[in-house]
């Protein structure tokens, strides 16, 4: 299970997951637009996810994490 789903052995709720995800995106220096394109969604939808205006499914979490990890500076493609 990804570090985004667990923190200190505790499964994160959606709000915590979203905050950790957005923090990691910013840490990687990736814009919402770039990440949205990589994930196959609109920037607007990603913005709504990050602002907790729409629910995020487990499937979408996986899709977003896979897209984000492509930008991981510690594990370049």
N, C-alpha and C. Protein backbone atom coordinates (compact mmCIF):
# COMPACT_ATOMS: atom_id res chain seq x y z
N UNK A 1 0.85 -1.18 0.00
CA UNK A 1 0.00 0.00 0.00
C UNK A 1 0.90 1.25 0.00
N UNK A 2 0.52 2.22 -0.73
CA UNK A 2 1.31 3.44 -0.89
C UNK A 2 1.41 4.22 0.41
N UNK A 3 2.48 5.01 0.50
CA UNK A 3 2.65 5.88 1.66
C UNK A 3 1.51 6.89 1.76
N UNK A 4 0.81 7.14 0.66
CA UNK A 4 -0.28 8.10 0.68
C UNK A 4 -1.52 7.52 1.36
N UNK A 5 -1.65 6.20 1.36
CA UNK A 5 -2.80 5.57 1.98
C UNK A 5 -2.58 5.34 3.46
N UNK A 6 -1.33 5.25 3.86
CA UNK A 6 -1.01 4.98 5.26
C UNK A 6 -0.01 5.99 5.76
N UNK A 7 -0.17 6.39 6.97
CA UNK A 7 0.77 7.31 7.60
C UNK A 7 0.95 6.82 9.02
N UNK A 8 2.14 6.33 9.33
CA UNK A 8 2.38 5.80 10.66
C UNK A 8 1.53 4.59 10.97
N UNK A 9 1.18 3.79 9.94
CA UNK A 9 0.38 2.60 10.16
C UNK A 9 -1.12 2.85 10.23
N UNK A 10 -1.53 4.11 10.12
CA UNK A 10 -2.95 4.46 10.20
C UNK A 10 -3.45 4.78 8.79
N UNK A 11 -4.56 4.20 8.42
CA UNK A 11 -5.15 4.50 7.12
C UNK A 11 -5.71 5.92 7.16
N UNK A 12 -5.38 6.71 6.16
CA UNK A 12 -5.82 8.11 6.12
C UNK A 12 -7.26 8.22 5.65
N UNK A 13 -7.98 9.18 6.21
CA UNK A 13 -9.31 9.47 5.67
C UNK A 13 -9.12 10.32 4.41
N UNK A 14 -10.19 10.57 3.69
CA UNK A 14 -10.05 11.28 2.41
C UNK A 14 -9.44 12.67 2.58
N UNK A 15 -9.83 13.39 3.63
CA UNK A 15 -9.30 14.74 3.82
C UNK A 15 -7.79 14.71 4.03
N UNK A 16 -7.33 13.79 4.86
CA UNK A 16 -5.89 13.66 5.09
C UNK A 16 -5.17 13.20 3.83
N UNK A 17 -5.78 12.25 3.12
CA UNK A 17 -5.18 11.74 1.89
C UNK A 17 -5.02 12.87 0.88
N UNK A 18 -6.06 13.65 0.71
CA UNK A 18 -6.04 14.75 -0.25
C UNK A 18 -4.95 15.76 0.12
N UNK A 19 -4.86 16.10 1.39
CA UNK A 19 -3.84 17.06 1.82
C UNK A 19 -2.43 16.51 1.59
N UNK A 20 -2.21 15.25 1.94
CA UNK A 20 -0.90 14.64 1.71
C UNK A 20 -0.59 14.59 0.21
N UNK A 21 -1.60 14.27 -0.59
CA UNK A 21 -1.41 14.19 -2.03
C UNK A 21 -1.05 15.57 -2.60
N UNK A 22 -1.80 16.60 -2.22
CA UNK A 22 -1.53 17.95 -2.72
C UNK A 22 -0.15 18.43 -2.26
N UNK A 23 0.21 18.11 -1.02
CA UNK A 23 1.54 18.49 -0.52
C UNK A 23 2.64 17.81 -1.34
N UNK A 24 2.45 16.53 -1.65
CA UNK A 24 3.45 15.80 -2.43
C UNK A 24 3.53 16.37 -3.85
N UNK A 25 2.38 16.74 -4.43
CA UNK A 25 2.39 17.33 -5.77
C UNK A 25 3.21 18.62 -5.77
N UNK A 26 3.01 19.44 -4.75
CA UNK A 26 3.75 20.69 -4.65
C UNK A 26 5.23 20.42 -4.38
N UNK A 27 5.52 19.43 -3.56
CA UNK A 27 6.91 19.06 -3.28
C UNK A 27 7.63 18.63 -4.56
N UNK A 28 6.92 17.92 -5.42
CA UNK A 28 7.50 17.49 -6.70
C UNK A 28 7.57 18.63 -7.71
N UNK A 29 6.92 19.75 -7.41
CA UNK A 29 6.94 20.90 -8.31
C UNK A 29 6.07 20.71 -9.54
N UNK A 30 4.96 19.99 -9.39
CA UNK A 30 4.09 19.67 -10.51
C UNK A 30 2.83 20.52 -10.44
N UNK A 31 2.48 21.14 -11.55
CA UNK A 31 1.26 21.94 -11.61
C UNK A 31 0.04 21.03 -11.68
N UNK A 32 -1.11 21.57 -11.31
CA UNK A 32 -2.35 20.81 -11.45
C UNK A 32 -2.58 20.45 -12.91
N UNK A 33 -2.26 21.35 -13.81
CA UNK A 33 -2.47 21.09 -15.23
C UNK A 33 -1.66 19.90 -15.71
N UNK A 34 -0.37 19.87 -15.38
CA UNK A 34 0.49 18.76 -15.81
C UNK A 34 0.02 17.44 -15.22
N UNK A 35 -0.32 17.46 -13.95
CA UNK A 35 -0.76 16.23 -13.31
C UNK A 35 -2.09 15.75 -13.88
N UNK A 36 -2.99 16.68 -14.11
CA UNK A 36 -4.30 16.32 -14.66
C UNK A 36 -4.14 15.69 -16.04
N UNK A 37 -3.30 16.25 -16.87
CA UNK A 37 -3.07 15.69 -18.19
C UNK A 37 -2.53 14.26 -18.07
N UNK A 38 -1.55 14.07 -17.17
CA UNK A 38 -0.95 12.76 -16.98
C UNK A 38 -1.98 11.75 -16.47
N UNK A 39 -2.92 12.22 -15.64
CA UNK A 39 -3.93 11.33 -15.07
C UNK A 39 -5.15 11.16 -15.98
N UNK A 40 -5.23 11.95 -17.04
CA UNK A 40 -6.35 11.82 -17.97
C UNK A 40 -7.63 12.46 -17.47
N UNK A 41 -7.49 13.50 -16.63
CA UNK A 41 -8.66 14.24 -16.15
C UNK A 41 -8.44 15.72 -16.42
N UNK A 42 -9.48 16.51 -16.22
CA UNK A 42 -9.33 17.95 -16.42
C UNK A 42 -8.66 18.59 -15.21
N UNK A 43 -8.03 19.73 -15.42
CA UNK A 43 -7.43 20.46 -14.32
C UNK A 43 -8.50 20.89 -13.33
N UNK A 44 -9.66 21.24 -13.86
CA UNK A 44 -10.77 21.67 -13.02
C UNK A 44 -11.20 20.54 -12.07
N UNK A 45 -11.25 19.32 -12.60
CA UNK A 45 -11.64 18.18 -11.76
C UNK A 45 -10.59 17.94 -10.67
N UNK A 46 -9.32 18.02 -11.03
CA UNK A 46 -8.25 17.86 -10.04
C UNK A 46 -8.36 18.95 -8.97
N UNK A 47 -8.65 20.16 -9.38
CA UNK A 47 -8.81 21.25 -8.43
C UNK A 47 -9.95 20.97 -7.47
N UNK A 48 -11.06 20.45 -7.98
CA UNK A 48 -12.20 20.12 -7.13
C UNK A 48 -11.86 18.99 -6.16
N UNK A 49 -11.05 18.03 -6.62
CA UNK A 49 -10.61 16.94 -5.74
C UNK A 49 -9.74 17.52 -4.62
N UNK A 50 -8.75 18.33 -4.99
CA UNK A 50 -7.83 18.88 -3.99
C UNK A 50 -8.52 19.84 -3.02
N UNK A 51 -9.62 20.43 -3.41
CA UNK A 51 -10.34 21.33 -2.51
C UNK A 51 -11.50 20.61 -1.81
N UNK A 52 -11.54 19.29 -1.96
CA UNK A 52 -12.55 18.43 -1.30
C UNK A 52 -13.98 18.78 -1.71
N UNK A 53 -14.15 19.28 -2.93
CA UNK A 53 -15.50 19.60 -3.40
C UNK A 53 -16.17 18.40 -4.06
N UNK A 54 -15.36 17.39 -4.43
CA UNK A 54 -15.91 16.14 -4.97
C UNK A 54 -15.27 14.98 -4.22
N UNK A 55 -16.01 13.90 -4.11
CA UNK A 55 -15.48 12.71 -3.45
C UNK A 55 -14.44 12.06 -4.37
N UNK A 56 -13.44 11.47 -3.74
CA UNK A 56 -12.40 10.80 -4.50
C UNK A 56 -12.53 9.30 -4.26
N UNK A 57 -12.69 8.55 -5.35
CA UNK A 57 -12.83 7.10 -5.25
C UNK A 57 -11.46 6.46 -5.09
N UNK A 58 -11.45 5.22 -4.66
CA UNK A 58 -10.19 4.48 -4.55
C UNK A 58 -9.54 4.36 -5.93
N UNK A 59 -10.35 4.15 -6.96
CA UNK A 59 -9.83 4.05 -8.33
C UNK A 59 -9.15 5.35 -8.75
N UNK A 60 -9.76 6.49 -8.41
CA UNK A 60 -9.18 7.78 -8.76
C UNK A 60 -7.91 8.03 -7.96
N UNK A 61 -7.88 7.61 -6.70
CA UNK A 61 -6.66 7.75 -5.90
C UNK A 61 -5.50 7.02 -6.57
N UNK A 62 -5.75 5.80 -7.00
CA UNK A 62 -4.71 5.01 -7.65
C UNK A 62 -4.25 5.71 -8.93
N UNK A 63 -5.20 6.18 -9.73
CA UNK A 63 -4.87 6.86 -10.98
C UNK A 63 -4.02 8.11 -10.73
N UNK A 64 -4.41 8.89 -9.73
CA UNK A 64 -3.67 10.10 -9.40
C UNK A 64 -2.28 9.79 -8.86
N UNK A 65 -2.18 8.78 -8.00
CA UNK A 65 -0.88 8.41 -7.45
C UNK A 65 0.06 7.91 -8.53
N UNK A 66 -0.46 7.10 -9.45
CA UNK A 66 0.38 6.61 -10.55
C UNK A 66 0.88 7.76 -11.40
N UNK A 67 0.00 8.71 -11.68
CA UNK A 67 0.40 9.88 -12.47
C UNK A 67 1.43 10.72 -11.71
N UNK A 68 1.20 10.94 -10.43
CA UNK A 68 2.11 11.76 -9.64
C UNK A 68 3.49 11.13 -9.54
N UNK A 69 3.55 9.83 -9.36
CA UNK A 69 4.84 9.16 -9.20
C UNK A 69 5.69 9.25 -10.46
N UNK A 70 5.09 9.52 -11.60
CA UNK A 70 5.86 9.72 -12.83
C UNK A 70 6.70 11.00 -12.77
N UNK A 71 6.34 11.88 -11.83
CA UNK A 71 7.07 13.14 -11.65
C UNK A 71 8.02 13.09 -10.46
N UNK A 72 8.13 11.93 -9.80
CA UNK A 72 8.95 11.79 -8.61
C UNK A 72 10.42 12.07 -8.97
N UNK A 73 11.01 13.13 -8.42
CA UNK A 73 12.39 13.46 -8.76
C UNK A 73 13.41 12.44 -8.25
N UNK A 74 13.03 11.63 -7.28
CA UNK A 74 13.92 10.62 -6.74
C UNK A 74 13.88 9.31 -7.52
N UNK A 75 12.91 9.17 -8.41
CA UNK A 75 12.78 7.96 -9.23
C UNK A 75 12.40 8.35 -10.65
N UNK A 76 13.31 9.06 -11.35
CA UNK A 76 12.94 9.51 -12.71
C UNK A 76 12.73 8.33 -13.65
N UNK A 77 11.91 8.56 -14.66
CA UNK A 77 11.62 7.51 -15.65
C UNK A 77 12.85 7.12 -16.42
